[in-house]
N, C-alpha and C. Protein backbone atom coordinates (compact mmCIF):
# COMPACT_ATOMS: atom_id res chain seq x y z
N MET A 1 1.18 -0.72 -0.14
CA MET A 1 0.02 0.15 -0.36
C MET A 1 0.76 1.32 0.19
N ILE A 2 0.21 1.93 -0.84
CA ILE A 2 1.42 3.64 -0.74
C ILE A 2 0.39 4.56 0.03
N GLN A 3 1.38 5.12 0.37
CA GLN A 3 0.89 6.27 1.36
C GLN A 3 -0.22 6.85 0.85
N ASN A 4 -1.51 7.43 1.57
CA ASN A 4 -2.50 8.16 1.16
C ASN A 4 -2.21 9.84 0.25
N TYR A 5 -2.74 9.76 -1.21
CA TYR A 5 -2.37 11.41 -1.14
C TYR A 5 -3.65 12.23 -1.55
N PRO A 6 -3.76 13.38 -0.75
CA PRO A 6 -3.27 14.60 0.20
C PRO A 6 -3.03 13.65 1.36
N ASN A 7 -2.07 13.97 2.08
CA ASN A 7 -2.30 13.90 3.50
C ASN A 7 -1.49 14.92 4.16
N PRO A 8 -2.08 15.65 4.98
CA PRO A 8 -3.43 15.56 5.79
C PRO A 8 -4.63 15.80 4.17
N PHE A 9 -5.85 15.70 4.67
CA PHE A 9 -7.14 15.60 3.54
C PHE A 9 -8.19 16.39 4.30
N ASN A 10 -8.82 16.48 3.46
CA ASN A 10 -10.39 17.10 4.13
C ASN A 10 -11.23 17.25 2.65
N PRO A 11 -11.94 16.80 2.35
CA PRO A 11 -12.79 16.01 3.03
C PRO A 11 -12.37 14.41 2.22
N SER A 12 -11.43 14.46 1.35
CA SER A 12 -11.12 13.16 0.19
C SER A 12 -9.62 12.84 0.42
N THR A 13 -9.68 11.51 -0.09
CA THR A 13 -8.08 11.31 -0.12
C THR A 13 -8.03 9.76 -1.01
N VAL A 14 -6.88 9.92 -1.52
CA VAL A 14 -6.72 8.36 -2.78
C VAL A 14 -5.97 7.59 -2.02
N ILE A 15 -6.00 6.43 -1.29
CA ILE A 15 -5.50 5.35 -0.93
C ILE A 15 -4.72 3.87 -2.19
N SER A 16 -3.32 4.28 -2.82
CA SER A 16 -3.23 3.35 -3.62
C SER A 16 -2.83 2.07 -3.48
N TYR A 17 -2.73 0.99 -4.03
CA TYR A 17 -2.14 -0.22 -4.08
C TYR A 17 -1.40 -0.92 -5.11
N ARG A 18 -0.54 -1.98 -5.08
CA ARG A 18 -0.29 -2.41 -6.15
C ARG A 18 -0.36 -4.45 -5.81
N LEU A 19 -0.80 -4.66 -6.36
CA LEU A 19 -1.09 -6.32 -6.13
C LEU A 19 -0.07 -7.06 -7.06
N SER A 20 0.60 -7.88 -6.73
CA SER A 20 1.78 -8.83 -7.57
C SER A 20 1.15 -9.81 -8.29
N ASN A 21 -0.31 -10.45 -7.42
CA ASN A 21 -1.46 -11.42 -7.88
C ASN A 21 -2.47 -11.13 -7.43
N ASP A 22 -3.27 -11.47 -8.49
CA ASP A 22 -5.07 -11.75 -8.00
C ASP A 22 -5.51 -12.16 -6.23
N SER A 23 -5.89 -11.09 -5.69
CA SER A 23 -5.91 -11.50 -4.37
C SER A 23 -7.54 -11.02 -3.75
N HIS A 24 -7.59 -11.47 -2.54
CA HIS A 24 -8.84 -11.15 -1.89
C HIS A 24 -8.30 -9.69 -1.14
N VAL A 25 -9.01 -8.55 -1.33
CA VAL A 25 -8.30 -7.25 -0.61
C VAL A 25 -9.41 -6.85 0.30
N MET A 26 -9.02 -6.35 1.75
CA MET A 26 -9.99 -5.94 2.67
C MET A 26 -9.43 -4.63 3.03
N LEU A 27 -9.76 -3.63 3.00
CA LEU A 27 -9.28 -2.25 3.66
C LEU A 27 -10.17 -2.23 4.86
N LYS A 28 -9.41 -1.74 5.79
CA LYS A 28 -10.24 -1.28 7.18
C LYS A 28 -9.59 0.20 7.75
N ILE A 29 -10.60 0.99 8.16
CA ILE A 29 -10.07 1.98 8.40
C ILE A 29 -10.50 1.90 10.48
N PHE A 30 -9.70 2.59 10.62
CA PHE A 30 -9.14 2.59 12.72
C PHE A 30 -8.97 3.97 13.12
N ASP A 31 -9.61 4.40 14.54
CA ASP A 31 -9.48 5.86 14.83
C ASP A 31 -8.03 5.53 15.45
N ALA A 32 -7.73 6.76 16.04
CA ALA A 32 -6.43 6.69 16.93
C ALA A 32 -6.51 5.70 18.29
N LEU A 33 -7.29 5.44 18.69
CA LEU A 33 -7.44 4.12 19.82
C LEU A 33 -7.16 2.81 19.48
N GLY A 34 -7.47 2.79 17.96
CA GLY A 34 -7.29 1.59 17.39
C GLY A 34 -8.67 0.60 17.42
N ARG A 35 -9.71 1.48 17.57
CA ARG A 35 -11.49 1.18 17.31
C ARG A 35 -11.73 0.80 15.83
N GLU A 36 -12.01 -0.19 15.05
CA GLU A 36 -12.55 -0.47 13.93
C GLU A 36 -13.69 0.44 13.82
N ILE A 37 -13.64 1.11 12.72
CA ILE A 37 -14.50 2.37 12.11
C ILE A 37 -15.34 1.82 11.09
N ALA A 38 -14.51 1.21 9.96
CA ALA A 38 -15.66 0.66 9.05
C ALA A 38 -14.50 -0.49 8.34
N ILE A 39 -15.21 -0.93 7.15
CA ILE A 39 -14.74 -1.66 6.54
C ILE A 39 -15.01 -0.98 5.19
N LEU A 40 -13.84 -0.57 4.61
CA LEU A 40 -13.86 0.22 2.95
C LEU A 40 -14.39 -0.51 2.03
N LEU A 41 -13.73 -1.66 2.13
CA LEU A 41 -13.19 -2.64 0.71
C LEU A 41 -13.07 -3.58 1.26
N ASN A 42 -13.70 -4.92 0.54
CA ASN A 42 -13.57 -6.33 1.08
C ASN A 42 -14.01 -7.27 -0.11
N GLU A 43 -13.24 -7.00 -1.09
CA GLU A 43 -13.52 -7.91 -2.57
C GLU A 43 -12.17 -8.31 -3.04
N ASN A 44 -12.17 -9.40 -4.12
CA ASN A 44 -11.13 -9.76 -4.61
C ASN A 44 -10.92 -8.60 -5.43
N LYS A 45 -9.88 -8.33 -5.95
CA LYS A 45 -9.05 -7.65 -7.09
C LYS A 45 -8.00 -8.62 -7.84
N SER A 46 -7.79 -7.98 -9.28
CA SER A 46 -6.84 -8.48 -9.85
C SER A 46 -5.62 -7.68 -9.71
N LYS A 47 -4.40 -8.59 -10.44
CA LYS A 47 -3.15 -8.72 -10.28
C LYS A 47 -3.12 -6.98 -10.93
N GLY A 48 -2.05 -5.89 -10.14
CA GLY A 48 -2.01 -4.96 -10.81
C GLY A 48 -2.21 -3.67 -10.13
N GLU A 49 -2.09 -2.39 -10.28
CA GLU A 49 -2.27 -1.12 -9.56
C GLU A 49 -3.82 -0.66 -9.49
N HIS A 50 -4.03 -0.34 -8.07
CA HIS A 50 -5.80 0.02 -7.30
C HIS A 50 -5.53 1.33 -6.89
N GLU A 51 -6.70 1.60 -7.22
CA GLU A 51 -6.65 2.85 -6.16
C GLU A 51 -8.20 2.97 -5.23
N PHE A 52 -8.21 3.55 -3.93
CA PHE A 52 -9.34 3.58 -3.56
C PHE A 52 -9.74 5.08 -2.96
N HIS A 53 -10.84 5.88 -3.80
CA HIS A 53 -10.79 6.89 -3.16
C HIS A 53 -11.57 7.03 -1.55
N LEU A 54 -11.76 7.75 -0.66
CA LEU A 54 -11.79 7.80 0.73
C LEU A 54 -12.34 9.04 0.79
N ASP A 55 -13.84 9.30 0.96
CA ASP A 55 -14.59 10.18 1.21
C ASP A 55 -14.93 10.71 2.71
N ALA A 56 -14.03 11.06 3.51
CA ALA A 56 -14.71 11.11 5.16
C ALA A 56 -16.54 11.46 5.11
N THR A 57 -16.61 12.04 4.44
CA THR A 57 -18.00 12.48 4.57
C THR A 57 -19.05 11.26 4.83
N ASN A 58 -18.76 10.35 3.88
CA ASN A 58 -19.31 8.88 3.83
C ASN A 58 -19.38 8.17 5.08
N TYR A 59 -18.46 8.42 5.86
CA TYR A 59 -18.31 7.42 7.46
C TYR A 59 -18.16 8.51 8.42
N ASN A 60 -18.61 9.97 7.93
CA ASN A 60 -18.84 10.46 9.49
C ASN A 60 -17.75 10.52 10.53
N LEU A 61 -16.66 10.83 9.85
CA LEU A 61 -15.22 10.86 10.55
C LEU A 61 -14.83 12.60 10.30
N SER A 62 -14.70 12.41 12.00
CA SER A 62 -13.86 13.56 12.66
C SER A 62 -12.95 14.44 12.29
N GLY A 63 -12.53 15.26 12.51
CA GLY A 63 -10.65 15.67 12.27
C GLY A 63 -9.92 14.86 13.41
N GLY A 64 -9.07 14.30 12.80
CA GLY A 64 -8.16 13.68 13.93
C GLY A 64 -7.23 12.67 12.98
N ILE A 65 -6.49 11.80 13.46
CA ILE A 65 -5.68 10.82 13.33
C ILE A 65 -6.27 9.55 13.02
N TYR A 66 -6.03 8.50 12.02
CA TYR A 66 -6.64 7.13 11.31
C TYR A 66 -5.75 6.43 10.75
N PHE A 67 -6.08 5.27 10.72
CA PHE A 67 -5.24 4.33 10.61
C PHE A 67 -6.08 3.19 9.26
N VAL A 68 -5.67 3.33 8.36
CA VAL A 68 -5.69 2.05 7.10
C VAL A 68 -4.85 1.14 7.01
N GLU A 69 -5.42 -0.30 7.10
CA GLU A 69 -5.17 -1.42 7.40
C GLU A 69 -5.74 -2.09 6.07
N MET A 70 -4.19 -2.60 5.32
CA MET A 70 -4.75 -3.45 3.90
C MET A 70 -4.16 -4.86 3.96
N THR A 71 -5.29 -5.87 3.75
CA THR A 71 -4.79 -7.18 4.20
C THR A 71 -4.99 -8.01 2.50
N ALA A 72 -4.24 -7.96 1.69
CA ALA A 72 -4.30 -8.91 0.65
C ALA A 72 -3.21 -10.08 0.83
N GLY A 73 -4.25 -11.25 0.73
CA GLY A 73 -3.76 -12.69 0.97
C GLY A 73 -3.15 -12.65 2.40
N THR A 74 -1.45 -13.04 2.25
CA THR A 74 -0.91 -13.10 3.74
C THR A 74 -0.42 -12.05 4.29
N ASN A 75 -0.65 -10.96 3.01
CA ASN A 75 0.00 -9.46 2.97
C ASN A 75 -0.61 -8.57 3.66
N VAL A 76 0.21 -7.42 5.15
CA VAL A 76 -0.93 -6.90 6.09
C VAL A 76 0.06 -5.75 5.70
N SER A 77 -0.34 -4.44 5.74
CA SER A 77 -0.04 -3.01 5.77
C SER A 77 -0.73 -1.91 6.29
N THR A 78 0.15 -0.68 7.04
CA THR A 78 -0.90 0.14 7.43
C THR A 78 0.16 1.70 6.93
N ILE A 79 -0.98 2.22 6.84
CA ILE A 79 -0.86 4.05 6.62
C ILE A 79 -1.61 4.49 7.63
N LYS A 80 -0.73 5.73 7.74
CA LYS A 80 -1.39 6.69 9.10
C LYS A 80 -2.02 7.89 8.11
N LEU A 81 -3.01 8.49 8.44
CA LEU A 81 -3.86 9.41 7.72
C LEU A 81 -4.40 10.48 8.47
N VAL A 82 -4.12 11.67 8.41
CA VAL A 82 -4.56 12.96 9.04
C VAL A 82 -6.04 13.43 8.26
N LEU A 83 -6.79 13.86 9.01
CA LEU A 83 -8.23 14.06 8.66
C LEU A 83 -8.27 15.85 9.24
N THR A 84 -8.45 16.78 8.40
CA THR A 84 -8.40 18.24 8.97
C THR A 84 -9.78 18.85 8.80
N LYS A 85 -10.44 19.30 10.08
CA LYS A 85 -11.55 19.71 9.56
C LYS A 85 -11.65 21.38 9.98
């Protein structure tokens, strides 16, 4: 997973990732205390480059620090997002 852009963001940002093979991908967003806020994506994706457009208004997010965790097959990665209001 590649760091989102822009970061900090308000109200939307793009999360990019690259898959080396076809994989089941799950993107989850967590608050700064580690509580799961939402599952952003949970589907099979083909090999290659992909983008997820996150709009904070769709998830009723307030300003602060969030973490997005991506699981693709057995690989797990996390990025830190900053939402400004």
